[in-house]
Amino acid sequence: MPRSVNAVASRARRKKVLKATRGYFGRGKNVWTVAKNKYEKGLQYAYRDRKAKKREFRALWIQRINAGAREHGVSYSQLMGLLKKAEIELNRKVLADLAMNHPEAFKAVVERVK
């Protein structure tokens, strides 16, 4: 009896990977072994960078809050301490948005906790 290799599933798997690697540079788009390696590496980068994205945005929000707070004579750490003490629960994303796009509202928040 001849060996059964399930070529349909193998071809489907290769097709899926080659479809995902369209637009890659050089052999990464059409040579199976290179494409497979690039595809797997791309998934690793995507996983890593989903975590890094959160860190980068938090750092950006902190910089924006700090810049806005210093215009009103208080540092970022002092502002966050005062907010905690006044039991005002605004997260960094919202505070950064206020500091950037609604300075009068941010000033009201700062004046309230001073």
PDB file of N, CA and C in Angstrom:
ATOM      1  N   MET A   1       0.843  -1.187   0.000  1.00  0.00           N
ATOM      2  CA  MET A   1       0.000   0.000   0.000  1.00  0.00           C
ATOM      3  C   MET A   1       0.888   1.250   0.000  1.00  0.00           C
ATOM      4  N   PRO A   2       0.616   2.227  -0.861  1.00  0.00           N
ATOM      5  CA  PRO A   2       1.459   3.423  -0.927  1.00  0.00           C
ATOM      6  C   PRO A   2       1.306   4.302   0.329  1.00  0.00           C
ATOM      7  N   ARG A   3       2.360   5.041   0.556  1.00  0.00           N
ATOM      8  CA  ARG A   3       2.385   5.921   1.724  1.00  0.00           C
ATOM      9  C   ARG A   3       1.408   7.089   1.523  1.00  0.00           C
ATOM     10  N   SER A   4       0.652   7.411   2.558  1.00  0.00           N
ATOM     11  CA  SER A   4      -0.289   8.531   2.508  1.00  0.00           C
ATOM     12  C   SER A   4       0.362   9.729   3.203  1.00  0.00           C
ATOM     13  N   VAL A   5       0.419  10.854   2.512  1.00  0.00           N
ATOM     14  CA  VAL A   5       1.130  12.010   3.065  1.00  0.00           C
ATOM     15  C   VAL A   5       0.232  13.208   3.315  1.00  0.00           C
ATOM     16  N   ASN A   6      -1.034  13.127   2.944  1.00  0.00           N
ATOM     17  CA  ASN A   6      -1.988  14.231   3.133  1.00  0.00           C
ATOM     18  C   ASN A   6      -1.463  15.515   2.495  1.00  0.00           C
ATOM     19  N   ALA A   7      -1.220  15.447   1.199  1.00  0.00           N
ATOM     20  CA  ALA A   7      -0.680  16.591   0.465  1.00  0.00           C
ATOM     21  C   ALA A   7      -1.634  17.775   0.476  1.00  0.00           C
ATOM     22  N   VAL A   8      -2.919  17.519   0.601  1.00  0.00           N
ATOM     23  CA  VAL A   8      -3.898  18.609   0.603  1.00  0.00           C
ATOM     24  C   VAL A   8      -3.646  19.535   1.797  1.00  0.00           C
ATOM     25  N   ALA A   9      -3.472  18.959   2.968  1.00  0.00           N
ATOM     26  CA  ALA A   9      -3.235  19.762   4.172  1.00  0.00           C
ATOM     27  C   ALA A   9      -1.886  20.470   4.095  1.00  0.00           C
ATOM     28  N   SER A  10      -0.866  19.765   3.576  1.00  0.00           N
ATOM     29  CA  SER A  10       0.468  20.372   3.462  1.00  0.00           C
ATOM     30  C   SER A  10       0.424  21.567   2.527  1.00  0.00           C
ATOM     31  N   ARG A  11      -0.242  21.403   1.392  1.00  0.00           N
ATOM     32  CA  ARG A  11      -0.341  22.486   0.417  1.00  0.00           C
ATOM     33  C   ARG A  11      -1.123  23.656   0.991  1.00  0.00           C
ATOM     34  N   ALA A  12      -2.178  23.371   1.724  1.00  0.00           N
ATOM     35  CA  ALA A  12      -2.989  24.427   2.329  1.00  0.00           C
ATOM     36  C   ALA A  12      -2.173  25.217   3.347  1.00  0.00           C
ATOM     37  N   ARG A  13      -1.353  24.500   4.121  1.00  0.00           N
ATOM     38  CA  ARG A  13      -0.516  25.157   5.125  1.00  0.00           C
ATOM     39  C   ARG A  13       0.502  26.074   4.446  1.00  0.00           C
ATOM     40  N   ARG A  14       1.143  25.559   3.399  1.00  0.00           N
ATOM     41  CA  ARG A  14       2.120  26.378   2.663  1.00  0.00           C
ATOM     42  C   ARG A  14       1.447  27.575   2.009  1.00  0.00           C
ATOM     43  N   LYS A  15       0.272  27.344   1.462  1.00  0.00           N
ATOM     44  CA  LYS A  15      -0.455  28.419   0.788  1.00  0.00           C
ATOM     45  C   LYS A  15      -0.813  29.534   1.775  1.00  0.00           C
ATOM     46  N   LYS A  16      -1.214  29.133   2.982  1.00  0.00           N
ATOM     47  CA  LYS A  16      -1.567  30.102   4.013  1.00  0.00           C
ATOM     48  C   LYS A  16      -0.364  30.983   4.366  1.00  0.00           C
ATOM     49  N   VAL A  17       0.795  30.340   4.527  1.00  0.00           N
ATOM     50  CA  VAL A  17       2.003  31.091   4.884  1.00  0.00           C
ATOM     51  C   VAL A  17       2.435  31.985   3.732  1.00  0.00           C
ATOM     52  N   LEU A  18       2.428  31.460   2.511  1.00  0.00           N
ATOM     53  CA  LEU A  18       2.856  32.258   1.355  1.00  0.00           C
ATOM     54  C   LEU A  18       1.905  33.423   1.100  1.00  0.00           C
ATOM     55  N   LYS A  19       0.633  33.237   1.414  1.00  0.00           N
ATOM     56  CA  LYS A  19      -0.310  34.349   1.266  1.00  0.00           C
ATOM     57  C   LYS A  19       0.012  35.441   2.283  1.00  0.00           C
ATOM     58  N   ALA A  20       0.376  35.046   3.503  1.00  0.00           N
ATOM     59  CA  ALA A  20       0.697  36.009   4.561  1.00  0.00           C
ATOM     60  C   ALA A  20       1.993  36.757   4.282  1.00  0.00           C
ATOM     61  N   THR A  21       2.901  36.149   3.511  1.00  0.00           N
ATOM     62  CA  THR A  21       4.204  36.782   3.266  1.00  0.00           C
ATOM     63  C   THR A  21       4.236  37.577   1.972  1.00  0.00           C
ATOM     64  N   ARG A  22       3.102  37.796   1.357  1.00  0.00           N
ATOM     65  CA  ARG A  22       3.070  38.646   0.165  1.00  0.00           C
ATOM     66  C   ARG A  22       3.597  40.023   0.515  1.00  0.00           C
ATOM     67  N   GLY A  23       4.406  40.598  -0.357  1.00  0.00           N
ATOM     68  CA  GLY A  23       4.950  41.921  -0.105  1.00  0.00           C
ATOM     69  C   GLY A  23       6.271  41.902   0.637  1.00  0.00           C
ATOM     70  N   TYR A  24       6.723  40.734   1.099  1.00  0.00           N
ATOM     71  CA  TYR A  24       8.022  40.650   1.753  1.00  0.00           C
ATOM     72  C   TYR A  24       9.119  40.825   0.705  1.00  0.00           C
ATOM     73  N   PHE A  25      10.309  41.204   1.181  1.00  0.00           N
ATOM     74  CA  PHE A  25      11.424  41.489   0.283  1.00  0.00           C
ATOM     75  C   PHE A  25      12.148  40.216  -0.139  1.00  0.00           C
ATOM     76  N   GLY A  26      12.610  40.202  -1.373  1.00  0.00           N
ATOM     77  CA  GLY A  26      13.461  39.118  -1.866  1.00  0.00           C
ATOM     78  C   GLY A  26      12.756  37.778  -1.891  1.00  0.00           C
ATOM     79  N   ARG A  27      13.481  36.738  -1.447  1.00  0.00           N
ATOM     80  CA  ARG A  27      12.930  35.387  -1.483  1.00  0.00           C
ATOM     81  C   ARG A  27      11.886  35.149  -0.404  1.00  0.00           C
ATOM     82  N   GLY A  28      11.751  36.079   0.512  1.00  0.00           N
ATOM     83  CA  GLY A  28      10.825  35.917   1.621  1.00  0.00           C
ATOM     84  C   GLY A  28       9.381  35.803   1.203  1.00  0.00           C
ATOM     85  N   LYS A  29       9.087  36.112  -0.068  1.00  0.00           N
ATOM     86  CA  LYS A  29       7.697  36.063  -0.501  1.00  0.00           C
ATOM     87  C   LYS A  29       7.347  34.813  -1.297  1.00  0.00           C
ATOM     88  N   ASN A  30       8.368  34.082  -1.811  1.00  0.00           N
ATOM     89  CA  ASN A  30       8.000  32.961  -2.686  1.00  0.00           C
ATOM     90  C   ASN A  30       8.780  31.667  -2.460  1.00  0.00           C
ATOM     91  N   VAL A  31       9.866  31.691  -1.699  1.00  0.00           N
ATOM     92  CA  VAL A  31      10.598  30.461  -1.402  1.00  0.00           C
ATOM     93  C   VAL A  31      10.104  29.941  -0.058  1.00  0.00           C
ATOM     94  N   TRP A  32       9.589  28.722  -0.060  1.00  0.00           N
ATOM     95  CA  TRP A  32       8.882  28.193   1.109  1.00  0.00           C
ATOM     96  C   TRP A  32       9.678  28.294   2.399  1.00  0.00           C
ATOM     97  N   THR A  33      10.923  27.820   2.414  1.00  0.00           N
ATOM     98  CA  THR A  33      11.672  27.783   3.675  1.00  0.00           C
ATOM     99  C   THR A  33      11.961  29.195   4.184  1.00  0.00           C
ATOM    100  N   VAL A  34      12.319  30.101   3.279  1.00  0.00           N
ATOM    101  CA  VAL A  34      12.606  31.481   3.685  1.00  0.00           C
ATOM    102  C   VAL A  34      11.320  32.158   4.153  1.00  0.00           C
ATOM    103  N   ALA A  35      10.249  31.955   3.399  1.00  0.00           N
ATOM    104  CA  ALA A  35       8.962  32.568   3.755  1.00  0.00           C
ATOM    105  C   ALA A  35       8.475  32.073   5.110  1.00  0.00           C
ATOM    106  N   LYS A  36       8.629  30.774   5.363  1.00  0.00           N
ATOM    107  CA  LYS A  36       8.185  30.203   6.636  1.00  0.00           C
ATOM    108  C   LYS A  36       8.942  30.838   7.807  1.00  0.00           C
ATOM    109  N   ASN A  37      10.259  30.971   7.648  1.00  0.00           N
ATOM    110  CA  ASN A  37      11.076  31.577   8.710  1.00  0.00           C
ATOM    111  C   ASN A  37      10.683  33.036   8.933  1.00  0.00           C
ATOM    112  N   LYS A  38      10.494  33.771   7.844  1.00  0.00           N
ATOM    113  CA  LYS A  38      10.135  35.185   7.974  1.00  0.00           C
ATOM    114  C   LYS A  38       8.754  35.340   8.592  1.00  0.00           C
ATOM    115  N   TYR A  39       7.844  34.446   8.218  1.00  0.00           N
ATOM    116  CA  TYR A  39       6.481  34.472   8.760  1.00  0.00           C
ATOM    117  C   TYR A  39       6.502  34.242  10.272  1.00  0.00           C
ATOM    118  N   GLU A  40       7.256  33.228  10.705  1.00  0.00           N
ATOM    119  CA  GLU A  40       7.338  32.932  12.135  1.00  0.00           C
ATOM    120  C   GLU A  40       8.011  34.069  12.903  1.00  0.00           C
ATOM    121  N   LYS A  41       9.051  34.640  12.313  1.00  0.00           N
ATOM    122  CA  LYS A  41       9.736  35.759  12.961  1.00  0.00           C
ATOM    123  C   LYS A  41       8.801  36.962  13.056  1.00  0.00           C
ATOM    124  N   GLY A  42       8.012  37.165  12.013  1.00  0.00           N
ATOM    125  CA  GLY A  42       7.045  38.262  12.025  1.00  0.00           C
ATOM    126  C   GLY A  42       6.025  38.108  13.134  1.00  0.00           C
ATOM    127  N   LEU A  43       5.584  36.872  13.370  1.00  0.00           N
ATOM    128  CA  LEU A  43       4.643  36.625  14.468  1.00  0.00           C
ATOM    129  C   LEU A  43       5.292  36.916  15.815  1.00  0.00           C
ATOM    130  N   GLN A  44       6.584  36.581  15.944  1.00  0.00           N
ATOM    131  CA  GLN A  44       7.300  36.875  17.186  1.00  0.00           C
ATOM    132  C   GLN A  44       7.384  38.382  17.418  1.00  0.00           C
ATOM    133  N   TYR A  45       7.720  39.115  16.347  1.00  0.00           N
ATOM    134  CA  TYR A  45       7.789  40.578  16.458  1.00  0.00           C
ATOM    135  C   TYR A  45       6.432  41.153  16.827  1.00  0.00           C
ATOM    136  N   ALA A  46       5.374  40.636  16.208  1.00  0.00           N
ATOM    137  CA  ALA A  46       4.032  41.145  16.478  1.00  0.00           C
ATOM    138  C   ALA A  46       3.663  40.936  17.939  1.00  0.00           C
ATOM    139  N   TYR A  47       3.977  39.750  18.483  1.00  0.00           N
ATOM    140  CA  TYR A  47       3.676  39.451  19.886  1.00  0.00           C
ATOM    141  C   TYR A  47       4.463  40.396  20.798  1.00  0.00           C
ATOM    142  N   ARG A  48       5.757  40.528  20.518  1.00  0.00           N
ATOM    143  CA  ARG A  48       6.609  41.388  21.342  1.00  0.00           C
ATOM    144  C   ARG A  48       6.124  42.839  21.302  1.00  0.00           C
ATOM    145  N   ASP A  49       5.793  43.305  20.098  1.00  0.00           N
ATOM    146  CA  ASP A  49       5.472  44.718  19.946  1.00  0.00           C
ATOM    147  C   ASP A  49       4.076  45.069  20.438  1.00  0.00           C
ATOM    148  N   ARG A  50       3.195  44.074  20.565  1.00  0.00           N
ATOM    149  CA  ARG A  50       1.909  44.364  21.213  1.00  0.00           C
ATOM    150  C   ARG A  50       2.129  44.740  22.671  1.00  0.00           C
ATOM    151  N   LYS A  51       3.130  44.121  23.293  1.00  0.00           N
ATOM    152  CA  LYS A  51       3.461  44.462  24.683  1.00  0.00           C
ATOM    153  C   LYS A  51       4.186  45.809  24.744  1.00  0.00           C
ATOM    154  N   ALA A  52       5.126  46.017  23.820  1.00  0.00           N
ATOM    155  CA  ALA A  52       5.920  47.243  23.814  1.00  0.00           C
ATOM    156  C   ALA A  52       5.047  48.464  23.538  1.00  0.00           C
ATOM    157  N   LYS A  53       4.029  48.285  22.718  1.00  0.00           N
ATOM    158  CA  LYS A  53       3.131  49.389  22.366  1.00  0.00           C
ATOM    159  C   LYS A  53       2.494  49.986  23.624  1.00  0.00           C
ATOM    160  N   LYS A  54       2.104  49.130  24.542  1.00  0.00           N
ATOM    161  CA  LYS A  54       1.483  49.591  25.779  1.00  0.00           C
ATOM    162  C   LYS A  54       2.464  50.427  26.600  1.00  0.00           C
ATOM    163  N   ARG A  55       3.718  49.958  26.669  1.00  0.00           N
ATOM    164  CA  ARG A  55       4.741  50.709  27.405  1.00  0.00           C
ATOM    165  C   ARG A  55       5.007  52.061  26.753  1.00  0.00           C
ATOM    166  N   GLU A  56       5.089  52.067  25.416  1.00  0.00           N
ATOM    167  CA  GLU A  56       5.404  53.299  24.699  1.00  0.00           C
ATOM    168  C   GLU A  56       4.298  54.338  24.856  1.00  0.00           C
ATOM    169  N   PHE A  57       3.061  53.892  24.795  1.00  0.00           N
ATOM    170  CA  PHE A  57       1.965  54.841  24.957  1.00  0.00           C
ATOM    171  C   PHE A  57       1.908  55.382  26.377  1.00  0.00           C
ATOM    172  N   ARG A  58       2.147  54.532  27.363  1.00  0.00           N
ATOM    173  CA  ARG A  58       2.156  55.008  28.752  1.00  0.00           C
ATOM    174  C   ARG A  58       3.235  56.074  28.933  1.00  0.00           C
ATOM    175  N   ALA A  59       4.423  55.841  28.361  1.00  0.00           N
ATOM    176  CA  ALA A  59       5.516  56.816  28.458  1.00  0.00           C
ATOM    177  C   ALA A  59       5.129  58.134  27.780  1.00  0.00           C
ATOM    178  N   LEU A  60       4.459  58.041  26.630  1.00  0.00           N
ATOM    179  CA  LEU A  60       4.024  59.243  25.915  1.00  0.00           C
ATOM    180  C   LEU A  60       3.007  60.025  26.740  1.00  0.00           C
ATOM    181  N   TRP A  61       2.053  59.313  27.341  1.00  0.00           N
ATOM    182  CA  TRP A  61       1.045  59.982  28.167  1.00  0.00           C
ATOM    183  C   TRP A  61       1.694  60.687  29.339  1.00  0.00           C
ATOM    184  N   ILE A  62       2.675  60.037  29.958  1.00  0.00           N
ATOM    185  CA  ILE A  62       3.360  60.634  31.109  1.00  0.00           C
ATOM    186  C   ILE A  62       4.087  61.909  30.693  1.00  0.00           C
ATOM    187  N   GLN A  63       4.747  61.887  29.533  1.00  0.00           N
ATOM    188  CA  GLN A  63       5.449  63.085  29.045  1.00  0.00           C
ATOM    189  C   GLN A  63       4.469  64.226  28.811  1.00  0.00           C
ATOM    190  N   ARG A  64       3.324  63.916  28.229  1.00  0.00           N
ATOM    191  CA  ARG A  64       2.330  64.960  27.945  1.00  0.00           C
ATOM    192  C   ARG A  64       1.733  65.529  29.229  1.00  0.00           C
ATOM    193  N   ILE A  65       1.456  64.659  30.193  1.00  0.00           N
ATOM    194  CA  ILE A  65       0.913  65.131  31.472  1.00  0.00           C
ATOM    195  C   ILE A  65       1.946  65.992  32.179  1.00  0.00           C
ATOM    196  N   ASN A  66       3.198  65.561  32.160  1.00  0.00           N
ATOM    197  CA  ASN A  66       4.277  66.304  32.806  1.00  0.00           C
ATOM    198  C   ASN A  66       4.418  67.693  32.196  1.00  0.00           C
ATOM    199  N   ALA A  67       4.387  67.762  30.869  1.00  0.00           N
ATOM    200  CA  ALA A  67       4.518  69.059  30.196  1.00  0.00           C
ATOM    201  C   ALA A  67       3.358  69.973  30.570  1.00  0.00           C
ATOM    202  N   GLY A  68       2.146  69.411  30.586  1.00  0.00           N
ATOM    203  CA  GLY A  68       0.982  70.216  30.952  1.00  0.00           C
ATOM    204  C   GLY A  68       1.012  70.643  32.410  1.00  0.00           C
ATOM    205  N   ALA A  69       1.456  69.741  33.276  1.00  0.00           N
ATOM    206  CA  ALA A  69       1.483  70.050  34.706  1.00  0.00           C
ATOM    207  C   ALA A  69       2.508  71.130  35.018  1.00  0.00           C
ATOM    208  N   ARG A  70       3.654  71.077  34.374  1.00  0.00           N
ATOM    209  CA  ARG A  70       4.714  72.048  34.646  1.00  0.00           C
ATOM    210  C   ARG A  70       4.311  73.461  34.213  1.00  0.00           C
ATOM    211  N   GLU A  71       3.406  73.572  33.250  1.00  0.00           N
ATOM    212  CA  GLU A  71       2.892  74.899  32.872  1.00  0.00           C
ATOM    213  C   GLU A  71       2.108  75.524  34.019  1.00  0.00           C
ATOM    214  N   HIS A  72       1.624  74.685  34.922  1.00  0.00           N
ATOM    215  CA  HIS A  72       0.850  75.178  36.062  1.00  0.00           C
ATOM    216  C   HIS A  72       1.637  75.075  37.369  1.00  0.00           C
ATOM    217  N   GLY A  73       2.944  74.916  37.262  1.00  0.00           N
ATOM    218  CA  GLY A  73       3.820  74.979  38.425  1.00  0.00           C
ATOM    219  C   GLY A  73       3.833  73.746  39.311  1.00  0.00           C
ATOM    220  N   VAL A  74       3.551  72.590  38.739  1.00  0.00           N
ATOM    221  CA  VAL A  74       3.589  71.357  39.515  1.00  0.00           C
ATOM    222  C   VAL A  74       4.190  70.267  38.625  1.00  0.00           C
ATOM    223  N   SER A  75       4.964  69.359  39.217  1.00  0.00           N
ATOM    224  CA  SER A  75       5.581  68.292  38.422  1.00  0.00           C
ATOM    225  C   SER A  75       4.600  67.149  38.239  1.00  0.00           C
ATOM    226  N   TYR A  76       4.962  66.222  37.375  1.00  0.00           N
ATOM    227  CA  TYR A  76       4.108  65.053  37.116  1.00  0.00           C
ATOM    228  C   TYR A  76       3.875  64.246  38.384  1.00  0.00           C
ATOM    229  N   SER A  77       4.953  63.955  39.106  1.00  0.00           N
ATOM    230  CA  SER A  77       4.819  63.102  40.293  1.00  0.00           C
ATOM    231  C   SER A  77       3.993  63.794  41.376  1.00  0.00           C
ATOM    232  N   GLN A  78       4.177  65.098  41.523  1.00  0.00           N
ATOM    233  CA  GLN A  78       3.380  65.844  42.499  1.00  0.00           C
ATOM    234  C   GLN A  78       1.905  65.823  42.102  1.00  0.00           C
ATOM    235  N   LEU A  79       1.641  66.026  40.816  1.00  0.00           N
ATOM    236  CA  LEU A  79       0.254  66.029  40.322  1.00  0.00           C
ATOM    237  C   LEU A  79      -0.410  64.681  40.571  1.00  0.00           C
ATOM    238  N   MET A  80       0.288  63.592  40.262  1.00  0.00           N
ATOM    239  CA  MET A  80      -0.307  62.272  40.459  1.00  0.00           C
ATOM    240  C   MET A  80      -0.553  62.002  41.946  1.00  0.00           C
ATOM    241  N   GLY A  81       0.352  62.450  42.797  1.00  0.00           N
ATOM    242  CA  GLY A  81       0.153  62.308  44.237  1.00  0.00           C
ATOM    243  C   GLY A  81      -1.045  63.105  44.720  1.00  0.00           C
ATOM    244  N   LEU A  82      -1.194  64.342  44.211  1.00  0.00           N
ATOM    245  CA  LEU A  82      -2.328  65.179  44.597  1.00  0.00           C
ATOM    246  C   LEU A  82      -3.645  64.595  44.098  1.00  0.00           C
ATOM    247  N   LEU A  83      -3.625  64.038  42.891  1.00  0.00           N
ATOM    248  CA  LEU A  83      -4.838  63.412  42.347  1.00  0.00           C
ATOM    249  C   LEU A  83      -5.266  62.221  43.210  1.00  0.00           C
ATOM    250  N   LYS A  84      -4.292  61.424  43.599  1.00  0.00           N
ATOM    251  CA  LYS A  84      -4.582  60.258  44.444  1.00  0.00           C
ATOM    252  C   LYS A  84      -5.142  60.706  45.795  1.00  0.00           C
ATOM    253  N   LYS A  85      -4.536  61.779  46.349  1.00  0.00           N
ATOM    254  CA  LYS A  85      -4.968  62.289  47.643  1.00  0.00           C
ATOM    255  C   LYS A  85      -6.392  62.860  47.577  1.00  0.00           C
ATOM    256  N   ALA A  86      -6.706  63.533  46.464  1.00  0.00           N
ATOM    257  CA  ALA A  86      -8.037  64.128  46.277  1.00  0.00           C
ATOM    258  C   ALA A  86      -9.065  63.100  45.805  1.00  0.00           C
ATOM    259  N   GLU A  87      -8.616  61.859  45.621  1.00  0.00           N
ATOM    260  CA  GLU A  87      -9.481  60.757  45.177  1.00  0.00           C
ATOM    261  C   GLU A  87     -10.137  61.056  43.825  1.00  0.00           C
ATOM    262  N   ILE A  88      -9.360  61.653  42.933  1.00  0.00           N
ATOM    263  CA  ILE A  88      -9.809  61.880  41.553  1.00  0.00           C
ATOM    264  C   ILE A  88      -9.211  60.775  40.706  1.00  0.00           C
ATOM    265  N   GLU A  89     -10.057  59.925  40.167  1.00  0.00           N
ATOM    266  CA  GLU A  89      -9.581  58.759  39.416  1.00  0.00           C
ATOM    267  C   GLU A  89      -9.656  58.998  37.920  1.00  0.00           C
ATOM    268  N   LEU A  90      -8.712  59.776  37.413  1.00  0.00           N
ATOM    269  CA  LEU A  90      -8.562  59.954  35.968  1.00  0.00           C
ATOM    270  C   LEU A  90      -7.312  59.205  35.547  1.00  0.00           C
ATOM    271  N   ASN A  91      -7.430  58.368  34.534  1.00  0.00           N
ATOM    272  CA  ASN A  91      -6.251  57.615  34.111  1.00  0.00           C
ATOM    273  C   ASN A  91      -5.329  58.488  33.259  1.00  0.00           C
ATOM    274  N   ARG A  92      -4.140  57.988  33.015  1.00  0.00           N
ATOM    275  CA  ARG A  92      -3.127  58.768  32.308  1.00  0.00           C
ATOM    276  C   ARG A  92      -3.540  59.095  30.876  1.00  0.00           C
ATOM    277  N   LYS A  93      -4.256  58.180  30.242  1.00  0.00           N
ATOM    278  CA  LYS A  93      -4.695  58.412  28.866  1.00  0.00           C
ATOM    279  C   LYS A  93      -5.615  59.636  28.807  1.00  0.00           C
ATOM    280  N   VAL A  94      -6.555  59.706  29.735  1.00  0.00           N
ATOM    281  CA  VAL A  94      -7.503  60.821  29.763  1.00  0.00           C
ATOM    282  C   VAL A  94      -6.788  62.113  30.140  1.00  0.00           C
ATOM    283  N   LEU A  95      -5.918  62.048  31.136  1.00  0.00           N
ATOM    284  CA  LEU A  95      -5.182  63.245  31.553  1.00  0.00           C
ATOM    285  C   LEU A  95      -4.319  63.789  30.414  1.00  0.00           C
ATOM    286  N   ALA A  96      -3.668  62.894  29.677  1.00  0.00           N
ATOM    287  CA  ALA A  96      -2.831  63.318  28.551  1.00  0.00           C
ATOM    288  C   ALA A  96      -3.683  63.971  27.472  1.00  0.00           C
ATOM    289  N   ASP A  97      -4.865  63.406  27.221  1.00  0.00           N
ATOM    290  CA  ASP A  97      -5.766  63.992  26.219  1.00  0.00           C
ATOM    291  C   ASP A  97      -6.212  65.377  26.661  1.00  0.00           C
ATOM    292  N   LEU A  98      -6.542  65.526  27.942  1.00  0.00           N
ATOM    293  CA  LEU A  98      -6.925  66.845  28.455  1.00  0.00           C
ATOM    294  C   LEU A  98      -5.776  67.842  28.314  1.00  0.00           C
ATOM    295  N   ALA A  99      -4.567  67.410  28.673  1.00  0.00           N
ATOM    296  CA  ALA A  99      -3.408  68.303  28.608  1.00  0.00           C
ATOM    297  C   ALA A  99      -3.128  68.756  27.177  1.00  0.00           C
ATOM    298  N   MET A 100      -3.316  67.846  26.215  1.00  0.00           N
ATOM    299  CA  MET A 100      -3.021  68.173  24.812  1.00  0.00           C
ATOM    300  C   MET A 100      -4.148  68.976  24.151  1.00  0.00           C
ATOM    301  N   ASN A 101      -5.379  68.473  24.278  1.00  0.00           N
ATOM    302  CA  ASN A 101      -6.476  68.989  23.448  1.00  0.00           C
ATOM    303  C   ASN A 101      -7.445  69.902  24.187  1.00  0.00           C
ATOM    304  N   HIS A 102      -7.445  69.851  25.522  1.00  0.00           N
ATOM    305  CA  HIS A 102      -8.373  70.671  26.308  1.00  0.00           C
ATOM    306  C   HIS A 102      -7.630  71.294  27.485  1.00  0.00           C
ATOM    307  N   PRO A 103      -6.718  72.248  27.203  1.00  0.00           N
ATOM    308  CA  PRO A 103      -5.874  72.789  28.280  1.00  0.00           C
ATOM    309  C   PRO A 103      -6.672  73.463  29.400  1.00  0.00           C
ATOM    310  N   GLU A 104      -7.817  74.073  29.052  1.00  0.00           N
ATOM    311  CA  GLU A 104      -8.604  74.741  30.099  1.00  0.00           C
ATOM    312  C   GLU A 104      -9.189  73.713  31.075  1.00  0.00           C
ATOM    313  N   ALA A 105      -9.605  72.561  30.569  1.00  0.00           N
ATOM    314  CA  ALA A 105     -10.117  71.501  31.433  1.00  0.00           C
ATOM    315  C   ALA A 105      -8.992  70.923  32.287  1.00  0.00           C
ATOM    316  N   PHE A 106      -7.808  70.765  31.685  1.00  0.00           N
ATOM    317  CA  PHE A 106      -6.656  70.252  32.439  1.00  0.00           C
ATOM    318  C   PHE A 106      -6.279  71.232  33.547  1.00  0.00           C
ATOM    319  N   LYS A 107      -6.335  72.541  33.221  1.00  0.00           N
ATOM    320  CA  LYS A 107      -6.019  73.553  34.235  1.00  0.00           C
ATOM    321  C   LYS A 107      -7.011  73.460  35.393  1.00  0.00           C
ATOM    322  N   ALA A 108      -8.284  73.238  35.085  1.00  0.00           N
ATOM    323  CA  ALA A 108      -9.298  73.097  36.134  1.00  0.00           C
ATOM    324  C   ALA A 108      -8.987  71.915  37.046  1.00  0.00           C
ATOM    325  N   VAL A 109      -8.555  70.822  36.463  1.00  0.00           N
ATOM    326  CA  VAL A 109      -8.192  69.635  37.260  1.00  0.00           C
ATOM    327  C   VAL A 109      -7.014  69.946  38.176  1.00  0.00           C
ATOM    328  N   VAL A 110      -5.993  70.615  37.621  1.00  0.00           N
ATOM    329  CA  VAL A 110      -4.803  70.952  38.405  1.00  0.00           C
ATOM    330  C   VAL A 110      -5.165  71.907  39.546  1.00  0.00           C
ATOM    331  N   GLU A 111      -5.976  72.931  39.235  1.00  0.00           N
ATOM    332  CA  GLU A 111      -6.360  73.894  40.258  1.00  0.00           C
ATOM    333  C   GLU A 111      -7.200  73.228  41.351  1.00  0.00           C
ATOM    334  N   ARG A 112      -8.008  72.260  40.982  1.00  0.00           N
ATOM    335  CA  ARG A 112      -8.857  71.566  41.961  1.00  0.00           C
ATOM    336  C   ARG A 112      -8.027  70.780  42.979  1.00  0.00           C
ATOM    337  N   VAL A 113      -6.929  70.196  42.529  1.00  0.00           N
ATOM    338  CA  VAL A 113      -6.139  69.359  43.443  1.00  0.00           C
ATOM    339  C   VAL A 113      -5.062  70.151  44.201  1.00  0.00           C
ATOM    340  N   LYS A 114      -4.776  71.343  43.749  1.00  0.00           N
ATOM    341  CA  LYS A 114      -3.717  72.144  44.428  1.00  0.00           C
ATOM    342  C   LYS A 114      -4.129  72.521  45.827  1.00  0.00           C
TER     343      LYS A 114
END
